[in-house]
Amino acid sequence: MTLLNEAQEKQLKEISTHLRQVRQAKSLSIEDIAAQTLIRLVFLQALEEWRFVELPEPVYIQGFIRRYADALGLDGNALANSLVINFIPIDCNNHSYSLDHKLNIQIPLIIVYILLLVAASAGLFYRLNPKLTAEFLLVQRQNPLPQGKQKILLSPLNSLAVPSPSSTDISTVKVTLELQGRSQLQVKADGKTEFEGILTKGERKSWTAKRHLTVSSGNAGAVLVSVNQQQLKPLGGEGEVKVVTYTPEIISR
């Protein structure tokens, strides 16, 4: 379900009315447009009849407008871009200030907690192993290492705070898409839009992200997806609008 603000709804009404009038002037049926653009008929009907709550996200609506206008011989890009899909809320500045203010308060507290935890761990280790700690410090004073090698030696206290290599290993997620039909796609890697447009049958593309990678499709049944070189699988059903997010730890649908 699409939630549009008042300004977006007004823009979309003007655009859809213009498209319907041009279509009728060219004696084209809405079914003709659906067949030519590969847009589902229910979406075209909802667009022309102002039933915007039945449409997918605004980015897909822009794609519908672009393909619809191109099919009528209009400038699809210009008409689609006239629909502003990103509006800044009026209280955005206040919200941003409040968030920054909260972060400024919370960060020092987190540092204090970490220091207290490290101090408590060090004190506990010393109380449990006083002899071992004294012997280690004595050996270190008697046999100092060269300057370049001192970083290799870890004291028993440091070993408590240093995670193993496996725990700090940063993995990535790689997603490969192969089209078995035609679909509007948007791909975001770590929040940055890497691709937005239409891929046709037979095309294959890959993207990599460190934290999360999101794939949005207007026709999920036409998209085969492979995550981290696994077997290709359909993203969803034929004609289904779907948004899927992949992470290195968990693949969520």
Protein backbone atom coordinates (compact mmCIF):
# COMPACT_ATOMS: atom_id res chain seq x y z
CA MET A 1 0.00 0.00 0.00
CA THR A 2 1.39 3.41 -1.00
CA LEU A 3 1.17 6.32 1.45
CA LEU A 4 1.42 9.67 -0.33
CA ASN A 5 1.26 13.11 1.13
CA GLU A 6 -1.13 15.76 -0.16
CA ALA A 7 1.38 17.32 -2.58
CA GLN A 8 2.31 13.93 -4.08
CA GLU A 9 -1.32 12.96 -4.56
CA LYS A 10 -2.03 16.26 -6.34
CA GLN A 11 0.95 15.76 -8.67
CA LEU A 12 0.01 12.16 -9.38
CA LYS A 13 -3.60 13.09 -10.17
CA GLU A 14 -2.44 15.67 -12.71
CA ILE A 15 0.01 13.24 -14.33
CA SER A 16 -2.43 10.32 -14.51
CA THR A 17 -5.18 12.57 -15.93
CA HIS A 18 -2.80 13.81 -18.63
CA LEU A 19 -1.76 10.26 -19.54
CA ARG A 20 -5.38 9.09 -19.75
CA GLN A 21 -6.36 12.01 -21.98
CA VAL A 22 -3.43 11.40 -24.37
CA ARG A 23 -4.22 7.67 -24.46
CA GLN A 24 -7.87 8.32 -25.31
CA ALA A 25 -6.89 10.89 -27.94
CA LYS A 26 -4.74 8.23 -29.62
CA SER A 27 -7.66 5.74 -29.45
CA LEU A 28 -5.63 3.29 -27.35
CA SER A 29 -7.19 1.08 -24.72
CA ILE A 30 -5.67 0.61 -21.31
CA GLU A 31 -5.13 -3.05 -22.23
CA ASP A 32 -3.01 -1.89 -25.20
CA ILE A 33 -0.82 0.11 -22.81
CA ALA A 34 -0.50 -2.85 -20.43
CA ALA A 35 0.63 -5.14 -23.26
CA GLN A 36 3.12 -2.60 -24.60
CA THR A 37 4.66 -1.55 -21.27
CA LEU A 38 4.42 -4.91 -19.42
CA ILE A 39 2.80 -3.06 -16.51
CA ARG A 40 0.09 -5.06 -14.75
CA LEU A 41 -3.38 -3.95 -15.80
CA VAL A 42 -4.55 -3.53 -12.19
CA PHE A 43 -1.77 -0.97 -11.57
CA LEU A 44 -2.65 1.01 -14.70
CA GLN A 45 -6.33 1.03 -13.73
CA ALA A 46 -5.49 2.13 -10.18
CA LEU A 47 -3.28 4.90 -11.57
CA GLU A 48 -5.92 6.27 -13.95
CA GLU A 49 -8.74 5.94 -11.40
CA TRP A 50 -6.71 7.64 -8.61
CA ARG A 51 -6.76 4.55 -6.41
CA PHE A 52 -3.21 5.26 -5.30
CA VAL A 53 -3.37 3.13 -2.15
CA GLU A 54 -3.36 0.06 -4.43
CA LEU A 55 -0.05 1.07 -6.06
CA PRO A 56 3.42 -0.03 -4.91
CA GLU A 57 6.15 2.29 -3.59
CA PRO A 58 6.64 5.71 -5.26
CA VAL A 59 9.84 4.60 -6.99
CA TYR A 60 7.80 1.99 -8.91
CA ILE A 61 5.10 4.56 -9.67
CA GLN A 62 7.78 6.69 -11.32
CA GLY A 63 8.76 3.69 -13.43
CA PHE A 64 5.12 3.13 -14.45
CA ILE A 65 4.76 6.78 -15.48
CA ARG A 66 8.00 6.67 -17.49
CA ARG A 67 7.01 3.54 -19.45
CA TYR A 68 3.40 4.70 -19.89
CA ALA A 69 4.50 8.09 -21.26
CA ASP A 70 7.11 6.52 -23.57
CA ALA A 71 4.42 4.24 -24.99
CA LEU A 72 2.35 7.33 -25.83
CA GLY A 73 5.30 9.06 -27.52
CA LEU A 74 5.81 11.52 -24.64
CA ASP A 75 9.00 12.35 -22.70
CA GLY A 76 8.81 9.59 -20.08
CA ASN A 77 11.83 10.69 -18.07
CA ALA A 78 10.66 14.28 -17.74
CA LEU A 79 7.13 13.27 -16.74
CA ALA A 80 8.34 10.66 -14.24
CA ASN A 81 10.83 13.06 -12.66
CA SER A 82 8.08 15.65 -12.21
CA LEU A 83 6.70 13.40 -9.47
CA VAL A 84 8.76 14.26 -6.39
CA ILE A 85 8.99 11.11 -4.28
CA ASN A 86 11.23 12.39 -1.50
CA PHE A 87 9.69 15.06 0.73
CA ILE A 88 11.46 16.46 3.79
CA PRO A 89 9.10 16.63 6.79
CA ILE A 90 8.50 20.09 8.26
CA ASP A 91 9.92 19.08 11.66
CA CYS A 92 12.97 17.39 10.16
CA ASN A 93 15.38 19.94 11.67
CA ASN A 94 13.90 19.56 15.13
CA HIS A 95 14.00 15.80 14.84
CA SER A 96 17.61 15.88 13.66
CA TYR A 97 18.58 18.14 16.54
CA SER A 98 16.82 15.88 19.04
CA LEU A 99 18.57 12.80 17.63
CA ASP A 100 21.99 14.47 17.69
CA HIS A 101 21.37 15.67 21.22
CA LYS A 102 20.49 12.15 22.37
CA LEU A 103 23.58 10.72 20.70
CA ASN A 104 25.79 13.33 22.37
CA ILE A 105 24.44 12.23 25.74
CA GLN A 106 24.56 8.49 25.11
CA ILE A 107 28.06 8.22 23.62
CA PRO A 108 29.92 9.39 26.78
CA LEU A 109 27.84 7.00 28.89
CA ILE A 110 28.79 4.10 26.63
CA ILE A 111 32.49 5.00 26.98
CA VAL A 112 32.13 5.07 30.78
CA TYR A 113 30.47 1.64 30.76
CA ILE A 114 33.25 0.19 28.59
CA LEU A 115 35.97 1.59 30.84
CA LEU A 116 34.22 0.23 33.92
CA LEU A 117 33.88 -3.19 32.29
CA VAL A 118 37.57 -3.30 31.32
CA ALA A 119 38.64 -2.19 34.81
CA ALA A 120 36.40 -4.79 36.45
CA SER A 121 37.76 -7.53 34.18
CA ALA A 122 41.35 -6.51 34.93
CA GLY A 123 40.71 -6.43 38.66
CA LEU A 124 39.00 -9.82 38.59
CA PHE A 125 41.86 -11.37 36.65
CA TYR A 126 44.44 -9.93 39.03
CA ARG A 127 42.56 -11.21 42.08
CA LEU A 128 42.27 -14.68 40.57
CA ASN A 129 45.81 -14.83 39.17
CA PRO A 130 48.09 -12.48 41.21
CA LYS A 131 51.09 -14.76 41.00
CA LEU A 132 50.83 -15.24 37.23
CA THR A 133 50.52 -11.51 36.65
CA ALA A 134 53.56 -10.69 38.84
CA GLU A 135 55.67 -13.34 37.08
CA PHE A 136 54.69 -12.07 33.65
CA LEU A 137 55.59 -8.45 34.50
CA LEU A 138 58.93 -9.56 35.98
CA VAL A 139 59.85 -11.55 32.88
CA GLN A 140 58.86 -8.65 30.63
CA ARG A 141 61.12 -6.22 32.54
CA GLN A 142 64.07 -8.64 32.49
CA ASN A 143 63.72 -9.55 28.80
CA PRO A 144 62.45 -6.52 26.90
CA LEU A 145 61.66 -7.15 23.26
CA PRO A 146 62.90 -4.98 20.36
CA GLN A 147 60.66 -2.03 19.60
CA GLY A 148 59.30 -3.56 16.41
CA LYS A 149 58.24 -6.81 18.10
CA GLN A 150 56.59 -5.52 21.26
CA LYS A 151 53.19 -5.41 19.59
CA ILE A 152 53.23 -9.16 19.07
CA LEU A 153 53.38 -10.00 22.79
CA LEU A 154 50.07 -9.74 24.64
CA SER A 155 49.84 -9.63 28.40
CA PRO A 156 47.23 -11.78 30.17
CA LEU A 157 45.19 -8.61 30.80
CA ASN A 158 45.22 -7.62 27.13
CA SER A 159 44.24 -11.11 26.05
CA LEU A 160 40.93 -10.64 27.84
CA ALA A 161 39.98 -7.67 25.67
CA VAL A 162 41.34 -8.84 22.29
CA PRO A 163 38.81 -10.91 20.30
CA SER A 164 39.89 -13.85 18.19
CA PRO A 165 40.44 -13.27 14.45
CA SER A 166 37.30 -15.21 13.63
CA SER A 167 35.14 -12.90 15.75
CA THR A 168 36.39 -9.74 13.98
CA ASP A 169 36.26 -11.12 10.46
CA ILE A 170 34.04 -8.84 8.37
CA SER A 171 32.19 -10.77 5.69
CA THR A 172 30.27 -9.39 2.75
CA VAL A 173 27.14 -10.30 0.88
CA LYS A 174 27.22 -10.72 -2.90
CA VAL A 175 23.97 -10.87 -4.85
CA THR A 176 23.75 -11.90 -8.51
CA LEU A 177 20.56 -11.29 -10.52
CA GLU A 178 19.68 -13.02 -13.78
CA LEU A 179 16.56 -12.03 -15.72
CA GLN A 180 14.29 -14.62 -17.30
CA GLY A 181 11.84 -11.93 -18.31
CA ARG A 182 11.52 -8.12 -18.10
CA SER A 183 11.41 -6.32 -14.77
CA GLN A 184 11.88 -2.90 -13.22
CA LEU A 185 14.67 -3.17 -10.61
CA GLN A 186 16.27 -1.11 -7.89
CA VAL A 187 19.41 -2.28 -6.03
CA LYS A 188 20.78 -0.57 -2.91
CA ALA A 189 24.14 -1.54 -1.32
CA ASP A 190 24.65 -0.29 2.26
CA GLY A 191 21.94 2.33 1.70
CA LYS A 192 23.37 3.64 -1.60
CA THR A 193 21.40 3.15 -4.82
CA GLU A 194 23.68 1.17 -7.17
CA PHE A 195 21.15 0.48 -9.95
CA GLU A 196 17.65 1.59 -10.93
CA GLY A 197 16.01 0.74 -14.24
CA ILE A 198 14.76 -2.12 -16.39
CA LEU A 199 16.70 -5.30 -17.10
CA THR A 200 15.60 -7.53 -19.97
CA LYS A 201 15.62 -11.29 -20.38
CA GLY A 202 19.09 -12.86 -20.32
CA GLU A 203 20.85 -9.99 -18.53
CA ARG A 204 22.93 -10.82 -15.44
CA LYS A 205 24.46 -8.38 -12.93
CA SER A 206 26.17 -8.70 -9.53
CA TRP A 207 26.53 -6.33 -6.56
CA THR A 208 28.43 -6.61 -3.26
CA ALA A 209 27.73 -4.95 0.12
CA LYS A 210 29.38 -5.04 3.53
CA ARG A 211 26.27 -4.58 5.71
CA HIS A 212 23.09 -5.09 3.68
CA LEU A 213 21.93 -5.25 0.07
CA THR A 214 18.31 -4.59 -0.90
CA VAL A 215 16.70 -5.73 -4.17
CA SER A 216 13.34 -4.25 -5.24
CA SER A 217 11.54 -5.77 -8.25
CA GLY A 218 8.34 -4.86 -10.04
CA ASN A 219 8.08 -8.41 -11.46
CA ALA A 220 9.75 -10.77 -8.99
CA GLY A 221 8.87 -13.87 -11.02
CA ALA A 222 11.17 -12.73 -13.83
CA VAL A 223 14.19 -12.39 -11.52
CA LEU A 224 16.52 -15.22 -10.51
CA VAL A 225 18.74 -14.42 -7.52
CA SER A 226 21.94 -16.01 -6.20
CA VAL A 227 23.35 -15.02 -2.81
CA ASN A 228 27.07 -15.55 -2.18
CA GLN A 229 27.38 -17.81 -5.26
CA GLN A 230 24.56 -20.13 -4.18
CA GLN A 231 22.12 -21.71 -6.64
CA LEU A 232 19.87 -19.29 -8.54
CA LYS A 233 16.31 -19.11 -7.19
CA PRO A 234 13.25 -17.03 -8.18
CA LEU A 235 12.91 -13.80 -6.22
CA GLY A 236 9.12 -14.19 -6.07
CA GLY A 237 5.97 -14.86 -8.05
CA GLU A 238 5.13 -13.71 -11.59
CA GLY A 239 3.98 -10.07 -11.58
CA GLU A 240 4.67 -9.74 -7.84
CA VAL A 241 6.19 -6.51 -6.49
CA LYS A 242 8.78 -7.54 -3.92
CA VAL A 243 11.52 -5.97 -1.79
CA VAL A 244 14.17 -8.33 -0.31
CA THR A 245 17.10 -7.41 1.96
CA TYR A 246 20.22 -9.60 2.26
CA THR A 247 22.88 -9.33 4.99
CA PRO A 248 26.11 -11.30 5.63
CA GLU A 249 24.56 -12.92 8.73
CA ILE A 250 20.88 -13.39 7.89
CA ILE A 251 18.98 -13.43 4.60
CA SER A 252 15.53 -11.94 5.33
CA ARG A 253 12.54 -12.04 3.02
